[in-house]
């Protein structure tokens, strides 16, 4: 957590504020600090799967929008 500039107490409070679950899927335990690779700013606490997914999409909203369109059969 210190790698991202937050203390264990701040991490625990963020997890508590999210109800203990991932900020994206709201299904799995929040265990991984998510941060912007551009600014370094912490955005929230995610599960490993959602955190990895954002990384694979290079944190690019356009790629994520295209993935949504693809899943909806719109592409």
C-alpha atoms as a PDB file:
ATOM      1  CA  UNK A   1       0.000   0.000   0.000  1.00  0.00           C
ATOM      2  CA  UNK A   2       2.860   2.374   0.708  1.00  0.00           C
ATOM      3  CA  UNK A   3       3.794   1.810  -2.942  1.00  0.00           C
ATOM      4  CA  UNK A   4       0.640   3.763  -3.804  1.00  0.00           C
ATOM      5  CA  UNK A   5       1.014   6.369  -1.066  1.00  0.00           C
ATOM      6  CA  UNK A   6      -1.760   5.152   1.207  1.00  0.00           C
ATOM      7  CA  UNK A   7      -1.489   3.801   4.705  1.00  0.00           C
ATOM      8  CA  UNK A   8      -3.000   0.508   5.851  1.00  0.00           C
ATOM      9  CA  UNK A   9      -5.586   2.564   7.725  1.00  0.00           C
ATOM     10  CA  UNK A  10      -6.625   4.432   4.574  1.00  0.00           C
ATOM     11  CA  UNK A  11      -6.758   1.134   2.654  1.00  0.00           C
ATOM     12  CA  UNK A  12      -8.964  -0.406   5.339  1.00  0.00           C
ATOM     13  CA  UNK A  13     -11.262   2.640   5.332  1.00  0.00           C
ATOM     14  CA  UNK A  14     -11.589   2.532   1.542  1.00  0.00           C
ATOM     15  CA  UNK A  15     -12.504  -1.159   1.689  1.00  0.00           C
ATOM     16  CA  UNK A  16     -15.017  -0.421   4.448  1.00  0.00           C
ATOM     17  CA  UNK A  17     -16.521   2.476   2.448  1.00  0.00           C
ATOM     18  CA  UNK A  18     -17.000   0.038  -0.467  1.00  0.00           C
ATOM     19  CA  UNK A  19     -18.752  -2.490   1.747  1.00  0.00           C
ATOM     20  CA  UNK A  20     -15.750  -4.821   1.612  1.00  0.00           C
ATOM     21  CA  UNK A  21     -16.247  -5.650  -2.047  1.00  0.00           C
ATOM     22  CA  UNK A  22     -14.650  -4.688  -5.359  1.00  0.00           C
ATOM     23  CA  UNK A  23     -15.619  -1.205  -6.580  1.00  0.00           C
ATOM     24  CA  UNK A  24     -16.322  -2.571 -10.088  1.00  0.00           C
ATOM     25  CA  UNK A  25     -17.967  -5.997  -9.859  1.00  0.00           C
ATOM     26  CA  UNK A  26     -19.243  -5.557  -6.281  1.00  0.00           C
ATOM     27  CA  UNK A  27     -19.022  -9.327  -5.981  1.00  0.00           C
ATOM     28  CA  UNK A  28     -15.531 -10.313  -4.858  1.00  0.00           C
ATOM     29  CA  UNK A  29     -13.479  -9.078  -1.901  1.00  0.00           C
ATOM     30  CA  UNK A  30     -11.658  -5.772  -2.410  1.00  0.00           C
ATOM     31  CA  UNK A  31      -7.968  -6.685  -2.130  1.00  0.00           C
ATOM     32  CA  UNK A  32      -5.990  -4.732  -4.765  1.00  0.00           C
ATOM     33  CA  UNK A  33      -5.243  -1.011  -4.861  1.00  0.00           C
ATOM     34  CA  UNK A  34      -6.292   0.441  -8.216  1.00  0.00           C
ATOM     35  CA  UNK A  35      -4.457   3.530  -9.399  1.00  0.00           C
ATOM     36  CA  UNK A  36      -4.071   5.623 -12.513  1.00  0.00           C
ATOM     37  CA  UNK A  37      -0.844   4.777 -14.295  1.00  0.00           C
ATOM     38  CA  UNK A  38      -0.822   8.326 -15.676  1.00  0.00           C
ATOM     39  CA  UNK A  39      -1.264  10.271 -12.432  1.00  0.00           C
ATOM     40  CA  UNK A  40      -0.523   7.687  -9.753  1.00  0.00           C
ATOM     41  CA  UNK A  41      -3.789   8.652  -8.050  1.00  0.00           C
ATOM     42  CA  UNK A  42      -5.543   5.849  -6.159  1.00  0.00           C
ATOM     43  CA  UNK A  43      -9.045   5.304  -7.562  1.00  0.00           C
ATOM     44  CA  UNK A  44     -10.339   2.539  -5.349  1.00  0.00           C
ATOM     45  CA  UNK A  45      -9.874  -1.027  -4.184  1.00  0.00           C
ATOM     46  CA  UNK A  46     -10.674  -3.834  -6.598  1.00  0.00           C
ATOM     47  CA  UNK A  47     -10.619  -7.600  -6.720  1.00  0.00           C
ATOM     48  CA  UNK A  48      -7.673  -9.151  -8.527  1.00  0.00           C
ATOM     49  CA  UNK A  49      -9.740  -9.974 -11.613  1.00  0.00           C
ATOM     50  CA  UNK A  50     -11.133  -6.485 -12.152  1.00  0.00           C
ATOM     51  CA  UNK A  51      -7.775  -4.866 -11.411  1.00  0.00           C
ATOM     52  CA  UNK A  52      -6.094  -7.134 -13.959  1.00  0.00           C
ATOM     53  CA  UNK A  53      -8.802  -6.436 -16.546  1.00  0.00           C
ATOM     54  CA  UNK A  54      -8.194  -2.693 -16.333  1.00  0.00           C
ATOM     55  CA  UNK A  55      -4.486  -3.340 -16.752  1.00  0.00           C
ATOM     56  CA  UNK A  56      -5.037  -5.516 -19.805  1.00  0.00           C
ATOM     57  CA  UNK A  57      -7.151  -2.719 -21.297  1.00  0.00           C
ATOM     58  CA  UNK A  58      -4.345  -0.221 -20.533  1.00  0.00           C
ATOM     59  CA  UNK A  59      -6.795   1.885 -18.491  1.00  0.00           C
ATOM     60  CA  UNK A  60      -8.140   3.116 -21.845  1.00  0.00           C
ATOM     61  CA  UNK A  61     -11.842   4.062 -21.685  1.00  0.00           C
ATOM     62  CA  UNK A  62     -12.164   3.781 -25.479  1.00  0.00           C
ATOM     63  CA  UNK A  63     -10.989   0.168 -25.465  1.00  0.00           C
ATOM     64  CA  UNK A  64     -13.359  -0.580 -22.601  1.00  0.00           C
ATOM     65  CA  UNK A  65     -16.266   1.054 -24.510  1.00  0.00           C
ATOM     66  CA  UNK A  66     -15.421  -1.062 -27.550  1.00  0.00           C
ATOM     67  CA  UNK A  67     -15.346  -4.183 -25.383  1.00  0.00           C
ATOM     68  CA  UNK A  68     -18.825  -3.306 -24.109  1.00  0.00           C
ATOM     69  CA  UNK A  69     -20.085  -2.827 -27.668  1.00  0.00           C
ATOM     70  CA  UNK A  70     -18.548  -6.144 -28.644  1.00  0.00           C
ATOM     71  CA  UNK A  71     -20.233  -7.946 -25.746  1.00  0.00           C
ATOM     72  CA  UNK A  72     -23.562  -6.382 -26.715  1.00  0.00           C
ATOM     73  CA  UNK A  73     -23.110  -7.628 -30.299  1.00  0.00           C
ATOM     74  CA  UNK A  74     -22.920  -4.072 -31.618  1.00  0.00           C
ATOM     75  CA  UNK A  75     -19.617  -4.465 -33.472  1.00  0.00           C
END
